[in-house]
C-alpha cells in the first residue's frame, strides 16, 4: 500500500486512535486479514468470523510487525477502532485508489471471470505495471485488499467482481470506481439465489451503469442479455465476440490437436493471429474480452496477440492440464462449476481426447435452486452426446441426476457409474485407468473434488481426505 500515517488512516476511515503512542507512524506494508501474513509495516484488519475472531490475534499481529490493528474494539495494542471493519477497509481502498488515479478495469460475469481476469492481467503487464485480483478474491473483503496492494507505480488495476444478489456489484464499484467495465456473460451460476437469468442480468449490469461518460463498457456481443446492457450505460460501448458487428472479434476459430484454440484476432486497429496455451474453445471469448480491454488501453494488436499466445493459467484448479509419466492426462478443473462451465469443460475434454479414452469425473453444481435436477440431467446427457468414454458421478443426489441423464440419453449411459465420494472415485480410476487416457475432474468447490486430481498425480488421496 502507499505509505499512510495512522492519523491519516484514522481520518479516512472515521476511526478513533486507541493505544497509539505516535499517530505519525506510517503503514508502509500491506493490509492483511490473516495474522500469519503480517510483515513489518503491515496494518492488520481484524474480522470476527464464524469460527475465528481476528481480534484474538491482534497481539500476535503486532508482535510480528504490524504497525496497528483495524478493529471494532480496543485490543490492547495500537489500534484504529471503527464501528464496521469491513466498511473501514472499503473506505481506505476507495481513498487509496482515488489518490493513485490508476486506470481501474472491473469485470464480472456468470462464468470465466477468473480466467479472463488472469488473461487481462498477463496482457496488460506487458504494457505497464498492473495489479490484479489474486485467485477469485472478488467480494467485499477481497476486492479492497487487492486494491490496497497498488502503489504509485501501478498503471492498471484489474478487479474481478462477484455478486450473489442485486446491489452487490454496485457496492463494489463504489469502493473502486472503474473507467472500464467488462461483462462476460449471463448464465445460471447462483440462479437459485437470484431467481432467474433476468435477475442475474440486472445485477451484472450494475457495472456498466456506474461507468463515467468518458469510460468504456466492454460487452459480449454473442450473449443477448449482455448486449442488451448497452442502453444502461453512458459510457462508450465496445463489443467483443464472434458476431460480425463485434468491434473485437475472432475469425477462423479452430482447435489444435491438443485442444488449444487458434484464431484470427480482429480489432479496430488491425489483425493478428493467436494460438492460446489454454484448453477449450470457451477461452476464445475470454481472450477476446482481454483483447478488447487491452485495445482500449492503447496496446497494438500484434503485442496483444503475442501476449495472449504466451499467457498461461495463473489460478489453481482451472483447466490445469498435467500429463503423467505413463501418458495419462489429468485435467483439474475442480475449483468450481456451473452449467455453462461444465459444458465448456466437457467439450474441451472431447477435443483433447480425440483417439483416446476419456473420463469425466463430475460432482454437483451448487446453488441452482429449482433448476438443479434439469441442469445435472442435461450435463449427463451432454457427456453421452460428446462420446466421453466414461462418466464417474461423485456425490449424493445431484450425482445420481448426472448419471440418470447419461443413462437416459442412450445405451452409452451404461458406461456411467455413481460413486459416493472422492476416495471411491480415486479407487475406481486407479484400477481402470490405462496409459493415454484423459481424465477431467470438475465440480462445485464445496465438494473438494480437486482431491481426485491431486491423488491421480501424486499417488495418494488419503492424506488429502484426512486433512479436509
Protein backbone atom coordinates (compact mmCIF):
# COMPACT_ATOMS: atom_id res chain seq x y z
CA UNK A 1 0.00 0.00 0.00
CA UNK A 2 1.09 3.60 -0.44
CA UNK A 3 2.57 4.91 2.79
CA UNK A 4 -0.02 6.49 5.10
CA UNK A 5 0.27 7.58 8.71
CA UNK A 6 -2.01 6.12 11.34
CA UNK A 7 -3.51 9.59 11.77
CA UNK A 8 -4.33 9.75 8.05
CA UNK A 9 -5.86 6.28 8.10
CA UNK A 10 -7.98 7.11 11.14
CA UNK A 11 -9.30 10.22 9.38
CA UNK A 12 -10.04 8.30 6.16
CA UNK A 13 -11.99 5.53 7.90
CA UNK A 14 -13.61 7.70 10.56
CA UNK A 15 -11.94 5.76 13.37
CA UNK A 16 -10.62 6.53 16.82
CA UNK A 17 -6.98 6.07 17.76
CA UNK A 18 -6.52 3.72 20.68
CA UNK A 19 -3.21 2.93 22.43
CA UNK A 20 -1.27 4.61 19.61
CA UNK A 21 1.79 6.38 21.06
CA UNK A 22 2.71 8.14 17.77
CA UNK A 23 -0.06 8.83 15.19
CA UNK A 24 2.60 9.93 12.70
CA UNK A 25 3.94 6.39 12.37
CA UNK A 26 3.28 5.14 8.85
CA UNK A 27 1.88 1.92 7.47
CA UNK A 28 4.40 1.03 4.78
CA UNK A 29 3.50 -2.61 4.22
CA UNK A 30 0.39 -4.47 3.16
CA UNK A 31 -3.07 -4.61 4.69
CA UNK A 32 -3.81 -8.19 5.78
CA UNK A 33 -6.63 -10.07 7.50
CA UNK A 34 -4.56 -13.14 8.45
CA UNK A 35 -2.07 -12.65 11.28
CA UNK A 36 0.19 -15.23 9.63
CA UNK A 37 0.66 -12.88 6.67
CA UNK A 38 1.81 -9.93 8.77
CA UNK A 39 5.17 -8.38 7.85
CA UNK A 40 6.93 -5.33 9.27
CA UNK A 41 4.92 -2.22 8.44
CA UNK A 42 1.59 -4.01 7.92
CA UNK A 43 -1.87 -2.98 9.00
CA UNK A 44 -3.83 -5.92 10.42
CA UNK A 45 -7.60 -5.78 9.84
CA UNK A 46 -9.36 -7.87 12.49
CA UNK A 47 -12.53 -9.60 11.29
CA UNK A 48 -14.81 -11.64 13.52
CA UNK A 49 -15.58 -14.79 11.54
CA UNK A 50 -17.90 -17.69 12.21
CA UNK A 51 -15.17 -19.76 13.85
CA UNK A 52 -12.24 -17.39 14.42
CA UNK A 53 -12.17 -13.79 15.68
CA UNK A 54 -9.24 -11.83 14.31
CA UNK A 55 -9.32 -9.60 17.37
CA UNK A 56 -7.94 -12.53 19.35
CA UNK A 57 -4.79 -12.39 17.21
CA UNK A 58 -4.19 -8.66 17.50
CA UNK A 59 -1.18 -9.00 19.79
CA UNK A 60 0.27 -11.78 17.63
CA UNK A 61 -0.01 -9.48 14.62
CA UNK A 62 1.52 -6.54 16.46
CA UNK A 63 4.45 -8.59 17.70
CA UNK A 64 5.01 -9.86 14.15
CA UNK A 65 5.50 -6.30 12.94
CA UNK A 66 2.06 -4.82 12.31
CA UNK A 67 2.05 -1.06 12.93
CA UNK A 68 -1.52 -1.19 14.19
CA UNK A 69 -4.79 -3.10 14.10
CA UNK A 70 -8.00 -2.01 12.40
CA UNK A 71 -10.58 -3.24 14.90
CA UNK A 72 -14.12 -2.76 16.17
CA UNK A 73 -12.96 -2.53 19.81
CA UNK A 74 -9.76 -1.89 21.81
CA UNK A 75 -7.40 -4.86 21.61
CA UNK A 76 -4.57 -3.93 23.98
CA UNK A 77 -2.14 -2.90 21.21
CA UNK A 78 -2.11 0.15 18.89
CA UNK A 79 -5.44 0.17 17.06
CA UNK A 80 -7.77 2.27 14.97
CA UNK A 81 -11.22 1.47 16.30
CA UNK A 82 -14.20 1.70 13.95
CA UNK A 83 -17.85 0.66 14.04
CA UNK A 84 -17.51 -1.58 10.97
CA UNK A 85 -14.15 -3.08 9.94
CA UNK A 86 -15.42 -4.12 6.50
CA UNK A 87 -16.74 -0.63 5.80
CA UNK A 88 -13.49 0.91 7.00
CA UNK A 89 -11.45 -1.39 4.78
CA UNK A 90 -13.58 -0.32 1.82
CA UNK A 91 -13.22 3.37 2.66
CA UNK A 92 -9.45 3.01 2.85
CA UNK A 93 -9.34 1.27 -0.53
CA UNK A 94 -11.53 3.94 -2.11
CA UNK A 95 -9.24 6.74 -0.91
CA UNK A 96 -6.05 4.96 -1.98
CA UNK A 97 -7.42 4.34 -5.48
CA UNK A 98 -8.54 7.98 -5.70
CA UNK A 99 -5.08 9.24 -4.76
CA UNK A 100 -3.35 6.93 -7.22
CA UNK A 101 -5.54 7.86 -10.18
CA UNK A 102 -4.84 4.49 -11.77
CA UNK A 103 -6.98 3.02 -14.54
CA UNK A 104 -9.46 0.64 -12.92
CA UNK A 105 -10.72 -2.26 -15.04
CA UNK A 106 -13.62 -4.14 -13.44
CA UNK A 107 -15.09 -7.35 -14.81
CA UNK A 108 -17.99 -9.58 -13.94
CA UNK A 109 -19.96 -12.46 -15.44
CA UNK A 110 -21.54 -15.77 -14.55
CA UNK A 111 -18.55 -17.83 -15.65
CA UNK A 112 -14.98 -17.33 -16.80
CA UNK A 113 -14.28 -14.29 -14.59
CA UNK A 114 -11.07 -15.55 -13.04
CA UNK A 115 -9.64 -17.00 -16.25
CA UNK A 116 -10.39 -13.77 -18.12
CA UNK A 117 -9.00 -11.62 -15.31
CA UNK A 118 -5.78 -13.65 -15.46
CA UNK A 119 -5.58 -13.14 -19.23
CA UNK A 120 -6.17 -9.38 -18.95
CA UNK A 121 -3.50 -9.10 -16.27
CA UNK A 122 -0.91 -11.02 -18.29
CA UNK A 123 -1.58 -8.91 -21.37
CA UNK A 124 -1.56 -5.56 -19.57
CA UNK A 125 1.61 -6.39 -17.64
CA UNK A 126 3.43 -6.08 -20.95
CA UNK A 127 2.09 -2.54 -21.24
CA UNK A 128 2.56 -1.09 -17.76
CA UNK A 129 2.72 -2.10 -14.07
CA UNK A 130 -0.50 -3.95 -13.28
CA UNK A 131 -2.14 -5.12 -10.05
CA UNK A 132 -4.93 -7.69 -10.25
CA UNK A 133 -7.19 -9.83 -8.11
CA UNK A 134 -5.34 -12.94 -6.84
CA UNK A 135 -7.35 -16.10 -7.44
CA UNK A 136 -11.03 -15.24 -7.14
CA UNK A 137 -10.96 -12.86 -4.15
CA UNK A 138 -13.79 -10.87 -5.68
CA UNK A 139 -16.02 -9.99 -2.72
CA UNK A 140 -16.44 -7.14 -0.24
CA UNK A 141 -13.21 -8.06 1.54
CA UNK A 142 -11.04 -9.50 -1.23
CA UNK A 143 -11.57 -6.58 -3.60
CA UNK A 144 -10.40 -3.79 -1.27
CA UNK A 145 -7.46 -5.93 -0.12
CA UNK A 146 -6.40 -6.23 -3.76
CA UNK A 147 -6.84 -2.51 -4.42
CA UNK A 148 -4.71 -1.71 -1.39
CA UNK A 149 -1.73 -3.54 -2.91
CA UNK A 150 -1.49 -0.88 -5.62
CA UNK A 151 1.44 1.53 -5.42
CA UNK A 152 2.42 4.79 -7.05
CA UNK A 153 3.91 2.74 -9.91
CA UNK A 154 0.63 0.97 -10.69
CA UNK A 155 -0.93 1.98 -14.02
CA UNK A 156 -3.66 -0.66 -14.31
CA UNK A 157 -5.80 -2.14 -11.54
CA UNK A 158 -7.78 -5.19 -12.74
CA UNK A 159 -10.54 -6.24 -10.38
CA UNK A 160 -12.85 -9.23 -10.60
CA UNK A 161 -16.29 -8.57 -9.12
CA UNK A 162 -18.65 -11.31 -7.95
CA UNK A 163 -22.30 -10.96 -6.98
CA UNK A 164 -24.81 -13.03 -5.09
CA UNK A 165 -27.63 -10.53 -5.25
CA UNK A 166 -28.87 -7.21 -6.54
CA UNK A 167 -26.72 -4.33 -5.31
CA UNK A 168 -23.52 -6.29 -4.67
CA UNK A 169 -21.67 -5.08 -7.76
CA UNK A 170 -22.89 -1.53 -7.24
CA UNK A 171 -21.36 -1.67 -3.75
CA UNK A 172 -18.02 -2.96 -5.07
CA UNK A 173 -17.84 -0.32 -7.80
CA UNK A 174 -18.37 2.29 -5.10
CA UNK A 175 -15.14 1.13 -3.47
CA UNK A 176 -13.05 1.21 -6.65
CA UNK A 177 -14.89 3.20 -9.36
CA UNK A 178 -13.92 1.70 -12.73
CA UNK A 179 -13.29 3.50 -16.01
CA UNK A 180 -13.55 0.27 -17.98
CA UNK A 181 -16.29 -2.23 -17.18
CA UNK A 182 -16.40 -5.70 -18.76
CA UNK A 183 -19.40 -8.05 -18.66
CA UNK A 184 -18.58 -11.55 -19.91
CA UNK A 185 -21.88 -13.41 -19.87
CA UNK A 186 -25.14 -14.06 -18.06
CA UNK A 187 -25.56 -17.71 -17.19
CA UNK A 188 -27.13 -19.82 -14.49
CA UNK A 189 -24.46 -19.66 -11.78
CA UNK A 190 -26.20 -18.83 -8.46
CA UNK A 191 -29.57 -18.86 -10.21
CA UNK A 192 -31.07 -20.39 -7.07
CA UNK A 193 -30.16 -17.23 -5.17
CA UNK A 194 -31.09 -14.73 -7.88
CA UNK A 195 -34.32 -16.34 -9.03
CA UNK A 196 -33.72 -16.20 -12.80
CA UNK A 197 -31.36 -15.12 -15.59
CA UNK A 198 -33.11 -11.77 -15.95
CA UNK A 199 -32.33 -11.01 -12.31
CA UNK A 200 -28.72 -12.08 -12.87
CA UNK A 201 -28.53 -9.71 -15.85
CA UNK A 202 -29.94 -6.92 -13.71
CA UNK A 203 -27.21 -7.48 -11.12
CA UNK A 204 -24.32 -7.84 -13.59
CA UNK A 205 -25.44 -4.74 -15.47
CA UNK A 206 -24.89 -2.60 -12.40
CA UNK A 207 -21.27 -2.50 -13.51
CA UNK A 208 -21.97 -0.60 -16.73
CA UNK A 209 -24.45 1.74 -15.06
CA UNK A 210 -21.74 3.32 -12.89
CA UNK A 211 -19.22 3.94 -15.67
CA UNK A 212 -18.41 7.59 -16.42
CA UNK A 213 -19.22 9.23 -19.73
CA UNK A 214 -15.54 9.07 -20.71
CA UNK A 215 -15.38 5.39 -19.73
CA UNK A 216 -15.84 2.22 -21.77
CA UNK A 217 -18.30 -0.66 -21.41
CA UNK A 218 -16.90 -3.87 -22.93
CA UNK A 219 -19.82 -6.17 -23.69
CA UNK A 220 -20.16 -9.69 -25.10
CA UNK A 221 -21.85 -9.37 -28.49
CA UNK A 222 -22.65 -13.10 -28.51
CA UNK A 223 -24.73 -13.00 -25.33
CA UNK A 224 -28.11 -11.33 -25.89
CA UNK A 225 -28.57 -10.42 -22.23
CA UNK A 226 -25.16 -8.77 -22.12
CA UNK A 227 -25.57 -6.98 -25.46
CA UNK A 228 -28.86 -5.61 -24.14
CA UNK A 229 -26.96 -3.78 -21.37
CA UNK A 230 -25.67 -1.16 -23.84
CA UNK A 231 -28.53 1.33 -23.19
CA UNK A 232 -27.86 1.11 -19.44
CA UNK A 233 -24.54 2.97 -19.67
CA UNK A 234 -23.48 6.47 -20.62
CA UNK A 235 -20.00 5.17 -21.45
CA UNK A 236 -18.82 4.26 -24.92
CA UNK A 237 -19.66 0.64 -25.79
CA UNK A 238 -17.18 -1.81 -27.29
CA UNK A 239 -18.50 -5.22 -28.38
CA UNK A 240 -16.41 -8.38 -28.45
CA UNK A 241 -17.25 -11.84 -29.76
CA UNK A 242 -17.65 -13.80 -32.95
CA UNK A 243 -20.62 -11.71 -34.17
CA UNK A 244 -19.94 -9.83 -37.40
CA UNK A 245 -20.62 -6.46 -35.81
CA UNK A 246 -18.26 -7.02 -32.87
CA UNK A 247 -15.52 -4.39 -32.62
CA UNK A 248 -13.08 -7.04 -31.39
CA UNK A 249 -13.81 -10.41 -32.91
CA UNK A 250 -12.42 -13.81 -33.80
CA UNK A 251 -12.44 -15.44 -37.21
CA UNK A 252 -11.35 -18.89 -38.37
CA UNK A 253 -11.62 -20.37 -34.89
CA UNK A 254 -10.23 -23.88 -34.69
CA UNK A 255 -8.69 -26.21 -32.14
CA UNK A 256 -5.23 -27.71 -32.32
CA UNK A 257 -4.84 -31.46 -31.89
CA UNK A 258 -4.19 -30.77 -28.21
CA UNK A 259 -7.49 -28.86 -27.86
CA UNK A 260 -5.99 -25.36 -27.74
CA UNK A 261 -7.87 -22.60 -29.61
CA UNK A 262 -6.37 -20.77 -32.55
CA UNK A 263 -7.99 -17.83 -34.36
CA UNK A 264 -7.53 -14.60 -36.27
CA UNK A 265 -7.94 -11.61 -33.94
CA UNK A 266 -9.61 -8.54 -35.46
CA UNK A 267 -9.50 -5.15 -33.72
CA UNK A 268 -10.26 -1.63 -34.94
CA UNK A 269 -6.52 -1.10 -35.38
CA UNK A 270 -5.69 -4.29 -37.25
CA UNK A 271 -5.49 -8.09 -37.18
CA UNK A 272 -3.13 -10.74 -35.86
CA UNK A 273 -3.09 -14.50 -35.28
CA UNK A 274 -3.49 -16.05 -31.83
CA UNK A 275 -2.92 -19.59 -30.57
CA UNK A 276 -3.73 -19.95 -26.91
CA UNK A 277 -1.88 -22.15 -24.43
CA UNK A 278 -5.20 -22.68 -22.66
CA UNK A 279 -7.51 -25.60 -23.39
CA UNK A 280 -11.06 -25.41 -24.71
CA UNK A 281 -12.89 -23.28 -27.27
CA UNK A 282 -14.64 -21.33 -24.49
CA UNK A 283 -11.38 -19.48 -23.90
CA UNK A 284 -11.78 -17.72 -27.25
CA UNK A 285 -14.44 -15.47 -25.74
CA UNK A 286 -12.25 -14.84 -22.68
CA UNK A 287 -9.31 -13.92 -24.91
CA UNK A 288 -11.43 -11.55 -26.99
CA UNK A 289 -12.60 -9.81 -23.83
CA UNK A 290 -8.98 -9.38 -22.74
CA UNK A 291 -8.04 -8.11 -26.19
CA UNK A 292 -10.85 -5.55 -26.13
CA UNK A 293 -9.67 -4.18 -22.78
CA UNK A 294 -6.05 -4.07 -23.93
CA UNK A 295 -7.00 -2.29 -27.14
CA UNK A 296 -8.95 0.29 -25.16
CA UNK A 297 -5.83 0.93 -23.07
CA UNK A 298 -3.69 1.56 -26.13
CA UNK A 299 -1.88 -1.71 -26.83
CA UNK A 300 -1.13 -2.52 -30.50
CA UNK A 301 -2.78 -5.61 -31.91
CA UNK A 302 0.44 -7.56 -32.54
CA UNK A 303 1.50 -7.06 -28.93
CA UNK A 304 -1.94 -8.14 -27.71
CA UNK A 305 -1.86 -11.28 -29.86
CA UNK A 306 1.64 -12.21 -28.68
CA UNK A 307 0.69 -11.70 -25.03
CA UNK A 308 -2.45 -13.82 -25.41
CA UNK A 309 -0.49 -16.58 -27.14
CA UNK A 310 2.04 -16.69 -24.31
CA UNK A 311 -0.43 -16.37 -21.41
CA UNK A 312 -0.91 -19.33 -19.10
CA UNK A 313 -3.10 -20.36 -16.19
CA UNK A 314 -2.40 -18.28 -13.07
CA UNK A 315 -5.14 -19.56 -10.75
CA UNK A 316 -5.20 -23.10 -9.42
CA UNK A 317 -7.54 -25.88 -10.48
CA UNK A 318 -8.90 -24.17 -13.59
CA UNK A 319 -8.28 -26.43 -16.59
CA UNK A 320 -4.86 -27.38 -15.20
CA UNK A 321 -3.53 -29.98 -17.63
CA UNK A 322 -0.83 -32.38 -16.43
CA UNK A 323 0.48 -35.47 -18.18
CA UNK A 324 1.72 -38.33 -16.01
CA UNK A 325 4.80 -40.35 -16.96
CA UNK A 326 2.52 -43.18 -18.13
CA UNK A 327 0.74 -40.87 -20.59
CA UNK A 328 -2.46 -40.36 -18.57
CA UNK A 329 -3.54 -36.71 -18.88
CA UNK A 330 -5.29 -35.19 -15.86
CA UNK A 331 -7.38 -32.06 -16.36
CA UNK A 332 -8.03 -30.46 -12.97
CA UNK A 333 -10.91 -28.00 -13.41
CA UNK A 334 -12.28 -28.60 -9.93
CA UNK A 335 -12.21 -25.08 -8.49
CA UNK A 336 -15.89 -24.54 -9.24
CA UNK A 337 -18.68 -25.46 -11.62
CA UNK A 338 -21.91 -24.19 -13.11
CA UNK A 339 -23.85 -25.47 -16.14
CA UNK A 340 -22.02 -23.22 -18.60
CA UNK A 341 -18.52 -24.03 -17.36
CA UNK A 342 -19.40 -27.73 -17.08
CA UNK A 343 -20.48 -27.83 -20.73
CA UNK A 344 -17.35 -25.95 -21.80
CA UNK A 345 -15.11 -28.35 -19.87
CA UNK A 346 -16.79 -31.41 -21.40
CA UNK A 347 -16.33 -30.00 -24.91
CA UNK A 348 -12.68 -29.33 -24.12
CA UNK A 349 -12.30 -32.92 -22.89
CA UNK A 350 -13.83 -34.24 -26.10
CA UNK A 351 -11.44 -32.13 -28.20
CA UNK A 352 -8.37 -33.13 -26.18
CA UNK A 353 -9.29 -36.79 -26.16
CA UNK A 354 -9.72 -37.48 -29.86
CA UNK A 355 -8.50 -41.01 -30.48
CA UNK A 356 -8.05 -41.59 -26.73
CA UNK A 357 -10.22 -42.88 -23.91
CA UNK A 358 -11.83 -40.05 -21.95
CA UNK A 359 -13.18 -39.89 -18.40
CA UNK A 360 -15.46 -37.21 -16.97
CA UNK A 361 -15.28 -37.25 -13.16
CA UNK A 362 -18.05 -34.85 -12.23
CA UNK A 363 -19.64 -33.72 -8.99
CA UNK A 364 -22.55 -31.49 -8.00
CA UNK A 365 -23.15 -27.96 -9.24
CA UNK A 366 -24.32 -25.86 -6.31
CA UNK A 367 -26.88 -23.06 -5.94
CA UNK A 368 -29.07 -23.97 -8.92
CA UNK A 369 -32.33 -23.99 -6.97
CA UNK A 370 -35.30 -25.43 -8.84
CA UNK A 371 -33.15 -25.83 -11.98
CA UNK A 372 -30.78 -28.29 -10.33
CA UNK A 373 -32.33 -31.57 -11.50
CA UNK A 374 -32.73 -30.40 -15.10
CA UNK A 375 -29.22 -28.95 -15.29
CA UNK A 376 -27.49 -32.03 -13.85
CA UNK A 377 -29.54 -34.26 -16.14
CA UNK A 378 -28.52 -32.11 -19.13
CA UNK A 379 -24.83 -32.35 -18.28
CA UNK A 380 -25.06 -36.15 -18.06
CA UNK A 381 -26.78 -36.22 -21.45
CA UNK A 382 -24.13 -33.95 -22.99
CA UNK A 383 -21.36 -36.32 -21.89
CA UNK A 384 -23.06 -39.04 -23.94
CA UNK A 385 -23.51 -36.80 -26.99
CA UNK A 386 -19.82 -35.86 -26.88
CA UNK A 387 -18.84 -39.55 -26.77
CA UNK A 388 -16.98 -39.24 -23.49
CA UNK A 389 -15.87 -42.79 -22.75
CA UNK A 390 -16.97 -42.95 -19.12
CA UNK A 391 -18.78 -40.70 -16.67
CA UNK A 392 -17.98 -41.01 -12.96
CA UNK A 393 -20.62 -39.11 -10.99
CA UNK A 394 -19.39 -38.29 -7.48
CA UNK A 395 -21.62 -37.40 -4.54
CA UNK A 396 -25.22 -37.80 -3.45
CA UNK A 397 -28.49 -36.70 -5.06
CA UNK A 398 -27.06 -34.39 -7.75
CA UNK A 399 -24.58 -37.07 -8.80
CA UNK A 400 -27.43 -39.52 -9.27
CA UNK A 401 -29.09 -36.99 -11.58
CA UNK A 402 -25.89 -36.73 -13.63
CA UNK A 403 -25.79 -40.50 -14.03
CA UNK A 404 -29.52 -40.69 -14.79
CA UNK A 405 -29.15 -38.12 -17.57
CA UNK A 406 -26.37 -40.15 -19.15
CA UNK A 407 -28.30 -43.40 -18.83
CA UNK A 408 -31.47 -41.93 -20.34
CA UNK A 409 -29.60 -40.41 -23.27
CA UNK A 410 -28.72 -43.80 -24.72
CA UNK A 411 -27.02 -47.12 -24.31
CA UNK A 412 -23.67 -45.40 -23.62
CA UNK A 413 -25.17 -44.38 -20.29
CA UNK A 414 -24.47 -47.90 -19.09
CA UNK A 415 -20.82 -46.81 -19.06
CA UNK A 416 -21.60 -44.27 -16.36
CA UNK A 417 -21.05 -45.02 -12.69
CA UNK A 418 -22.16 -43.31 -9.47
CA UNK A 419 -19.73 -43.30 -6.53
CA UNK A 420 -20.19 -41.83 -3.08
CA UNK A 421 -17.09 -39.70 -2.60
CA UNK A 422 -13.64 -38.67 -3.80
CA UNK A 423 -11.90 -41.71 -2.33
CA UNK A 424 -14.26 -44.08 -4.15
CA UNK A 425 -13.61 -42.21 -7.40
CA UNK A 426 -9.84 -42.49 -6.88
CA UNK A 427 -10.08 -46.22 -6.15
CA UNK A 428 -12.07 -46.76 -9.34
CA UNK A 429 -9.72 -44.72 -11.50
CA UNK A 430 -6.59 -46.32 -10.12
CA UNK A 431 -7.93 -49.73 -11.01
CA UNK A 432 -9.18 -48.89 -14.50
CA UNK A 433 -7.03 -46.09 -15.99
CA UNK A 434 -4.83 -47.05 -18.93
CA UNK A 435 -1.86 -45.18 -20.44
CA UNK A 436 -3.07 -42.44 -22.78
CA UNK A 437 -6.41 -41.85 -21.03
CA UNK A 438 -7.63 -38.28 -20.45
CA UNK A 439 -9.39 -37.52 -17.14
CA UNK A 440 -11.43 -34.38 -16.47
CA UNK A 441 -12.25 -33.58 -12.82
CA UNK A 442 -14.88 -30.89 -12.19
CA UNK A 443 -17.49 -29.92 -9.57
CA UNK A 444 -18.57 -27.05 -7.39
CA UNK A 445 -15.96 -26.01 -4.85
CA UNK A 446 -17.87 -27.33 -1.84
CA UNK A 447 -17.26 -30.99 -2.66
CA UNK A 448 -13.47 -30.61 -2.93
CA UNK A 449 -13.14 -32.83 -5.97
CA UNK A 450 -9.66 -31.48 -6.69
CA UNK A 451 -8.56 -34.24 -4.30
CA UNK A 452 -9.21 -36.75 -7.05
CA UNK A 453 -6.91 -34.95 -9.49
CA UNK A 454 -4.23 -34.49 -6.85
CA UNK A 455 -4.39 -38.16 -5.92
CA UNK A 456 -4.02 -39.25 -9.54
CA UNK A 457 -0.95 -37.05 -9.86
CA UNK A 458 0.82 -37.69 -6.56
CA UNK A 459 -0.41 -41.19 -5.82
CA UNK A 460 -2.17 -40.58 -2.54
CA UNK A 461 -5.56 -39.17 -1.70
CA UNK A 462 -5.66 -40.43 1.86
CA UNK A 463 -3.70 -37.51 3.30
CA UNK A 464 -5.79 -35.01 1.35
CA UNK A 465 -9.02 -36.56 2.57
CA UNK A 466 -7.84 -36.68 6.16
CA UNK A 467 -6.76 -33.04 6.08
CA UNK A 468 -10.03 -31.79 4.72
